[in-house]
Amino acid sequence: GFDGVYELQDWLEAEAEIDTKFYR
């Protein structure tokens, strides 16, 4: 709900996911 509480967690999880799929 765009509450901002998980902003860093969302970014880090997205980063790990993209890096795993396309950069490793």
PDB file of all heavy atoms in Angstrom:
ATOM      1  N   GLY A   1       0.804  -1.214   0.000  1.00  0.00           N
ATOM      2  CA  GLY A   1       0.000   0.000   0.000  1.00  0.00           C
ATOM      3  C   GLY A   1       0.839   1.265   0.000  1.00  0.00           C
ATOM      4  O   GLY A   1       0.391   2.316   0.455  1.00  0.00           O
ATOM      5  N   PHE A   2       2.066   1.182  -0.497  1.00  0.00           N
ATOM      6  CA  PHE A   2       2.978   2.331  -0.570  1.00  0.00           C
ATOM      7  C   PHE A   2       3.145   3.017   0.787  1.00  0.00           C
ATOM      8  O   PHE A   2       3.239   4.231   0.874  1.00  0.00           O
ATOM      9  CB  PHE A   2       2.503   3.354  -1.616  1.00  0.00           C
ATOM     10  CG  PHE A   2       2.428   2.802  -3.001  1.00  0.00           C
ATOM     11  CD1 PHE A   2       1.198   2.513  -3.579  1.00  0.00           C
ATOM     12  CD2 PHE A   2       3.572   2.548  -3.733  1.00  0.00           C
ATOM     13  CE1 PHE A   2       1.115   2.003  -4.865  1.00  0.00           C
ATOM     14  CE2 PHE A   2       3.493   2.033  -5.018  1.00  0.00           C
ATOM     15  CZ  PHE A   2       2.271   1.765  -5.586  1.00  0.00           C
ATOM     16  N   ASP A   3       3.193   2.216   1.851  1.00  0.00           N
ATOM     17  CA  ASP A   3       3.288   2.796   3.191  1.00  0.00           C
ATOM     18  C   ASP A   3       4.682   3.304   3.535  1.00  0.00           C
ATOM     19  O   ASP A   3       4.852   4.022   4.508  1.00  0.00           O
ATOM     20  CB  ASP A   3       2.809   1.810   4.251  1.00  0.00           C
ATOM     21  CG  ASP A   3       3.605   0.517   4.259  1.00  0.00           C
ATOM     22  OD1 ASP A   3       4.659   0.443   3.607  1.00  0.00           O
ATOM     23  OD2 ASP A   3       3.158  -0.431   4.936  1.00  0.00           O
ATOM     24  N   GLY A   4       5.699   2.935   2.765  1.00  0.00           N
ATOM     25  CA  GLY A   4       7.050   3.409   2.999  1.00  0.00           C
ATOM     26  C   GLY A   4       7.810   2.634   4.064  1.00  0.00           C
ATOM     27  O   GLY A   4       9.008   2.825   4.233  1.00  0.00           O
ATOM     28  N   VAL A   5       7.124   1.769   4.778  1.00  0.00           N
ATOM     29  CA  VAL A   5       7.764   1.005   5.853  1.00  0.00           C
ATOM     30  C   VAL A   5       8.793   0.029   5.280  1.00  0.00           C
ATOM     31  O   VAL A   5       9.848  -0.180   5.869  1.00  0.00           O
ATOM     32  CB  VAL A   5       6.711   0.251   6.694  1.00  0.00           C
ATOM     33  CG1 VAL A   5       7.367  -0.648   7.718  1.00  0.00           C
ATOM     34  CG2 VAL A   5       5.765   1.238   7.347  1.00  0.00           C
ATOM     35  N   TYR A   6       8.492  -0.556   4.146  1.00  0.00           N
ATOM     36  CA  TYR A   6       9.350  -1.589   3.563  1.00  0.00           C
ATOM     37  C   TYR A   6      10.140  -1.082   2.355  1.00  0.00           C
ATOM     38  O   TYR A   6      10.605  -1.869   1.545  1.00  0.00           O
ATOM     39  CB  TYR A   6       8.501  -2.790   3.138  1.00  0.00           C
ATOM     40  CG  TYR A   6       7.742  -3.411   4.285  1.00  0.00           C
ATOM     41  CD1 TYR A   6       6.405  -3.112   4.493  1.00  0.00           C
ATOM     42  CD2 TYR A   6       8.369  -4.283   5.155  1.00  0.00           C
ATOM     43  CE1 TYR A   6       5.703  -3.675   5.549  1.00  0.00           C
ATOM     44  CE2 TYR A   6       7.688  -4.856   6.212  1.00  0.00           C
ATOM     45  CZ  TYR A   6       6.351  -4.545   6.403  1.00  0.00           C
ATOM     46  OH  TYR A   6       5.673  -5.101   7.446  1.00  0.00           O
ATOM     47  N   GLU A   7      10.293   0.196   2.229  1.00  0.00           N
ATOM     48  CA  GLU A   7      10.926   0.783   1.048  1.00  0.00           C
ATOM     49  C   GLU A   7      12.311   0.185   0.779  1.00  0.00           C
ATOM     50  O   GLU A   7      12.594  -0.255  -0.339  1.00  0.00           O
ATOM     51  CB  GLU A   7      11.033   2.298   1.209  1.00  0.00           C
ATOM     52  CG  GLU A   7      11.598   3.000   0.007  1.00  0.00           C
ATOM     53  CD  GLU A   7      11.595   4.510   0.168  1.00  0.00           C
ATOM     54  OE1 GLU A   7      11.043   5.023   1.154  1.00  0.00           O
ATOM     55  OE2 GLU A   7      12.160   5.174  -0.701  1.00  0.00           O
ATOM     56  N   LEU A   8      13.164   0.165   1.777  1.00  0.00           N
ATOM     57  CA  LEU A   8      14.510  -0.382   1.592  1.00  0.00           C
ATOM     58  C   LEU A   8      14.458  -1.885   1.330  1.00  0.00           C
ATOM     59  O   LEU A   8      15.133  -2.385   0.435  1.00  0.00           O
ATOM     60  CB  LEU A   8      15.384  -0.095   2.820  1.00  0.00           C
ATOM     61  CG  LEU A   8      16.809  -0.642   2.754  1.00  0.00           C
ATOM     62  CD1 LEU A   8      17.559  -0.095   1.539  1.00  0.00           C
ATOM     63  CD2 LEU A   8      17.555  -0.308   4.039  1.00  0.00           C
ATOM     64  N   GLN A   9      13.638  -2.588   2.067  1.00  0.00           N
ATOM     65  CA  GLN A   9      13.505  -4.032   1.876  1.00  0.00           C
ATOM     66  C   GLN A   9      13.003  -4.342   0.469  1.00  0.00           C
ATOM     67  O   GLN A   9      13.522  -5.251  -0.192  1.00  0.00           O
ATOM     68  CB  GLN A   9      12.552  -4.617   2.913  1.00  0.00           C
ATOM     69  CG  GLN A   9      12.364  -6.115   2.779  1.00  0.00           C
ATOM     70  CD  GLN A   9      11.411  -6.676   3.821  1.00  0.00           C
ATOM     71  OE1 GLN A   9      11.137  -6.044   4.821  1.00  0.00           O
ATOM     72  NE2 GLN A   9      10.906  -7.861   3.573  1.00  0.00           N
ATOM     73  N   ASP A  10      12.012  -3.592  -0.001  1.00  0.00           N
ATOM     74  CA  ASP A  10      11.484  -3.804  -1.351  1.00  0.00           C
ATOM     75  C   ASP A  10      12.581  -3.601  -2.390  1.00  0.00           C
ATOM     76  O   ASP A  10      12.709  -4.370  -3.335  1.00  0.00           O
ATOM     77  CB  ASP A  10      10.318  -2.854  -1.638  1.00  0.00           C
ATOM     78  CG  ASP A  10       9.084  -3.176  -0.832  1.00  0.00           C
ATOM     79  OD1 ASP A  10       8.948  -4.317  -0.352  1.00  0.00           O
ATOM     80  OD2 ASP A  10       8.236  -2.270  -0.679  1.00  0.00           O
ATOM     81  N   TRP A  11      13.368  -2.548  -2.221  1.00  0.00           N
ATOM     82  CA  TRP A  11      14.437  -2.258  -3.173  1.00  0.00           C
ATOM     83  C   TRP A  11      15.488  -3.368  -3.163  1.00  0.00           C
ATOM     84  O   TRP A  11      15.887  -3.863  -4.217  1.00  0.00           O
ATOM     85  CB  TRP A  11      15.090  -0.907  -2.877  1.00  0.00           C
ATOM     86  CG  TRP A  11      16.140  -0.602  -3.900  1.00  0.00           C
ATOM     87  CD1 TRP A  11      17.460  -0.926  -3.845  1.00  0.00           C
ATOM     88  CD2 TRP A  11      15.938   0.037  -5.164  1.00  0.00           C
ATOM     89  NE1 TRP A  11      18.097  -0.518  -4.996  1.00  0.00           N
ATOM     90  CE2 TRP A  11      17.189   0.078  -5.816  1.00  0.00           C
ATOM     91  CE3 TRP A  11      14.822   0.586  -5.789  1.00  0.00           C
ATOM     92  CZ2 TRP A  11      17.333   0.650  -7.073  1.00  0.00           C
ATOM     93  CZ3 TRP A  11      14.988   1.157  -7.046  1.00  0.00           C
ATOM     94  CH2 TRP A  11      16.225   1.180  -7.672  1.00  0.00           C
ATOM     95  N   LEU A  12      15.923  -3.762  -1.984  1.00  0.00           N
ATOM     96  CA  LEU A  12      16.968  -4.774  -1.882  1.00  0.00           C
ATOM     97  C   LEU A  12      16.507  -6.126  -2.429  1.00  0.00           C
ATOM     98  O   LEU A  12      17.279  -6.822  -3.101  1.00  0.00           O
ATOM     99  CB  LEU A  12      17.433  -4.914  -0.436  1.00  0.00           C
ATOM    100  CG  LEU A  12      18.153  -3.684   0.131  1.00  0.00           C
ATOM    101  CD1 LEU A  12      18.452  -3.894   1.608  1.00  0.00           C
ATOM    102  CD2 LEU A  12      19.410  -3.353  -0.648  1.00  0.00           C
ATOM    103  N   GLU A  13      15.272  -6.482  -2.173  1.00  0.00           N
ATOM    104  CA  GLU A  13      14.745  -7.738  -2.708  1.00  0.00           C
ATOM    105  C   GLU A  13      14.614  -7.678  -4.230  1.00  0.00           C
ATOM    106  O   GLU A  13      14.929  -8.645  -4.924  1.00  0.00           O
ATOM    107  CB  GLU A  13      13.404  -8.075  -2.061  1.00  0.00           C
ATOM    108  CG  GLU A  13      13.538  -8.507  -0.614  1.00  0.00           C
ATOM    109  CD  GLU A  13      12.204  -8.736   0.068  1.00  0.00           C
ATOM    110  OE1 GLU A  13      11.146  -8.560  -0.560  1.00  0.00           O
ATOM    111  OE2 GLU A  13      12.225  -9.094   1.267  1.00  0.00           O
ATOM    112  N   ALA A  14      14.169  -6.545  -4.738  1.00  0.00           N
ATOM    113  CA  ALA A  14      14.058  -6.380  -6.191  1.00  0.00           C
ATOM    114  C   ALA A  14      15.449  -6.419  -6.827  1.00  0.00           C
ATOM    115  O   ALA A  14      15.650  -7.046  -7.879  1.00  0.00           O
ATOM    116  CB  ALA A  14      13.356  -5.070  -6.517  1.00  0.00           C
ATOM    117  N   GLU A  15      16.395  -5.773  -6.211  1.00  0.00           N
ATOM    118  CA  GLU A  15      17.768  -5.761  -6.714  1.00  0.00           C
ATOM    119  C   GLU A  15      18.344  -7.175  -6.762  1.00  0.00           C
ATOM    120  O   GLU A  15      18.935  -7.580  -7.770  1.00  0.00           O
ATOM    121  CB  GLU A  15      18.626  -4.875  -5.814  1.00  0.00           C
ATOM    122  CG  GLU A  15      20.055  -4.712  -6.283  1.00  0.00           C
ATOM    123  CD  GLU A  15      20.813  -3.751  -5.394  1.00  0.00           C
ATOM    124  OE1 GLU A  15      20.686  -3.824  -4.153  1.00  0.00           O
ATOM    125  OE2 GLU A  15      21.535  -2.914  -5.951  1.00  0.00           O
ATOM    126  N   ALA A  16      18.152  -7.932  -5.698  1.00  0.00           N
ATOM    127  CA  ALA A  16      18.653  -9.307  -5.657  1.00  0.00           C
ATOM    128  C   ALA A  16      17.988 -10.157  -6.738  1.00  0.00           C
ATOM    129  O   ALA A  16      18.647 -10.967  -7.396  1.00  0.00           O
ATOM    130  CB  ALA A  16      18.418  -9.905  -4.275  1.00  0.00           C
ATOM    131  N   GLU A  17      16.691  -9.970  -6.901  1.00  0.00           N
ATOM    132  CA  GLU A  17      15.960 -10.744  -7.902  1.00  0.00           C
ATOM    133  C   GLU A  17      16.457 -10.447  -9.319  1.00  0.00           C
ATOM    134  O   GLU A  17      16.720 -11.366 -10.102  1.00  0.00           O
ATOM    135  CB  GLU A  17      14.470 -10.442  -7.794  1.00  0.00           C
ATOM    136  CG  GLU A  17      13.637 -11.190  -8.783  1.00  0.00           C
ATOM    137  CD  GLU A  17      12.161 -10.879  -8.653  1.00  0.00           C
ATOM    138  OE1 GLU A  17      11.793  -9.951  -7.907  1.00  0.00           O
ATOM    139  OE2 GLU A  17      11.377 -11.563  -9.326  1.00  0.00           O
ATOM    140  N   ILE A  18      16.575  -9.195  -9.666  1.00  0.00           N
ATOM    141  CA  ILE A  18      17.022  -8.806 -11.011  1.00  0.00           C
ATOM    142  C   ILE A  18      18.457  -9.251 -11.241  1.00  0.00           C
ATOM    143  O   ILE A  18      18.797  -9.790 -12.300  1.00  0.00           O
ATOM    144  CB  ILE A  18      16.865  -7.283 -11.219  1.00  0.00           C
ATOM    145  CG1 ILE A  18      15.395  -6.876 -11.155  1.00  0.00           C
ATOM    146  CG2 ILE A  18      17.517  -6.842 -12.529  1.00  0.00           C
ATOM    147  CD1 ILE A  18      14.471  -7.552 -12.146  1.00  0.00           C
ATOM    148  N   ASP A  19      19.321  -9.034 -10.261  1.00  0.00           N
ATOM    149  CA  ASP A  19      20.712  -9.452 -10.419  1.00  0.00           C
ATOM    150  C   ASP A  19      20.831 -10.958 -10.603  1.00  0.00           C
ATOM    151  O   ASP A  19      21.617 -11.421 -11.423  1.00  0.00           O
ATOM    152  CB  ASP A  19      21.548  -8.992  -9.220  1.00  0.00           C
ATOM    153  CG  ASP A  19      21.864  -7.512  -9.263  1.00  0.00           C
ATOM    154  OD1 ASP A  19      21.596  -6.861 -10.304  1.00  0.00           O
ATOM    155  OD2 ASP A  19      22.363  -6.989  -8.245  1.00  0.00           O
ATOM    156  N   THR A  20      20.039 -11.706  -9.864  1.00  0.00           N
ATOM    157  CA  THR A  20      20.075 -13.173  -9.983  1.00  0.00           C
ATOM    158  C   THR A  20      19.598 -13.619 -11.357  1.00  0.00           C
ATOM    159  O   THR A  20      20.200 -14.503 -11.977  1.00  0.00           O
ATOM    160  CB  THR A  20      19.212 -13.821  -8.884  1.00  0.00           C
ATOM    161  OG1 THR A  20      19.763 -13.469  -7.615  1.00  0.00           O
ATOM    162  CG2 THR A  20      19.188 -15.329  -9.038  1.00  0.00           C
ATOM    163  N   LYS A  21      18.536 -12.992 -11.849  1.00  0.00           N
ATOM    164  CA  LYS A  21      17.971 -13.404 -13.133  1.00  0.00           C
ATOM    165  C   LYS A  21      18.805 -12.986 -14.333  1.00  0.00           C
ATOM    166  O   LYS A  21      18.858 -13.702 -15.332  1.00  0.00           O
ATOM    167  CB  LYS A  21      16.557 -12.825 -13.293  1.00  0.00           C
ATOM    168  CG  LYS A  21      15.524 -13.509 -12.463  1.00  0.00           C
ATOM    169  CD  LYS A  21      14.157 -12.954 -12.736  1.00  0.00           C
ATOM    170  CE  LYS A  21      13.105 -13.690 -11.928  1.00  0.00           C
ATOM    171  NZ  LYS A  21      11.768 -13.204 -12.199  1.00  0.00           N
ATOM    172  N   PHE A  22      19.447 -11.819 -14.260  1.00  0.00           N
ATOM    173  CA  PHE A  22      20.060 -11.269 -15.471  1.00  0.00           C
ATOM    174  C   PHE A  22      21.541 -10.965 -15.390  1.00  0.00           C
ATOM    175  O   PHE A  22      22.175 -10.733 -16.414  1.00  0.00           O
ATOM    176  CB  PHE A  22      19.328  -9.979 -15.865  1.00  0.00           C
ATOM    177  CG  PHE A  22      17.892 -10.225 -16.198  1.00  0.00           C
ATOM    178  CD1 PHE A  22      16.899  -9.887 -15.307  1.00  0.00           C
ATOM    179  CD2 PHE A  22      17.522 -10.801 -17.398  1.00  0.00           C
ATOM    180  CE1 PHE A  22      15.574 -10.118 -15.598  1.00  0.00           C
ATOM    181  CE2 PHE A  22      16.203 -11.045 -17.700  1.00  0.00           C
ATOM    182  CZ  PHE A  22      15.233 -10.706 -16.801  1.00  0.00           C
ATOM    183  N   TYR A  23      22.103 -10.938 -14.216  1.00  0.00           N
ATOM    184  CA  TYR A  23      23.487 -10.502 -14.106  1.00  0.00           C
ATOM    185  C   TYR A  23      24.410 -11.514 -13.448  1.00  0.00           C
ATOM    186  O   TYR A  23      25.534 -11.210 -13.121  1.00  0.00           O
ATOM    187  CB  TYR A  23      23.562  -9.161 -13.350  1.00  0.00           C
ATOM    188  CG  TYR A  23      22.952  -8.032 -14.164  1.00  0.00           C
ATOM    189  CD1 TYR A  23      21.620  -7.684 -14.027  1.00  0.00           C
ATOM    190  CD2 TYR A  23      23.723  -7.344 -15.090  1.00  0.00           C
ATOM    191  CE1 TYR A  23      21.069  -6.661 -14.786  1.00  0.00           C
ATOM    192  CE2 TYR A  23      23.183  -6.317 -15.846  1.00  0.00           C
ATOM    193  CZ  TYR A  23      21.850  -5.986 -15.684  1.00  0.00           C
ATOM    194  OH  TYR A  23      21.314  -4.985 -16.443  1.00  0.00           O
ATOM    195  N   ARG A  24      23.936 -12.718 -13.231  1.00  0.00           N
ATOM    196  CA  ARG A  24      24.806 -13.736 -12.623  1.00  0.00           C
ATOM    197  C   ARG A  24      24.825 -14.977 -13.446  1.00  0.00           C
ATOM    198  O   ARG A  24      24.047 -15.323 -14.193  1.00  0.00           O
ATOM    199  CB  ARG A  24      24.327 -14.062 -11.211  1.00  0.00           C
ATOM    200  CG  ARG A  24      24.573 -12.902 -10.307  1.00  0.00           C
ATOM    201  CD  ARG A  24      24.259 -13.245  -8.893  1.00  0.00           C
ATOM    202  NE  ARG A  24      24.377 -12.019  -8.121  1.00  0.00           N
ATOM    203  CZ  ARG A  24      23.995 -11.900  -6.891  1.00  0.00           C
ATOM    204  NH1 ARG A  24      23.464 -12.900  -6.260  1.00  0.00           N
ATOM    205  NH2 ARG A  24      24.136 -10.784  -6.242  1.00  0.00           N
TER     206      ARG A  24
END
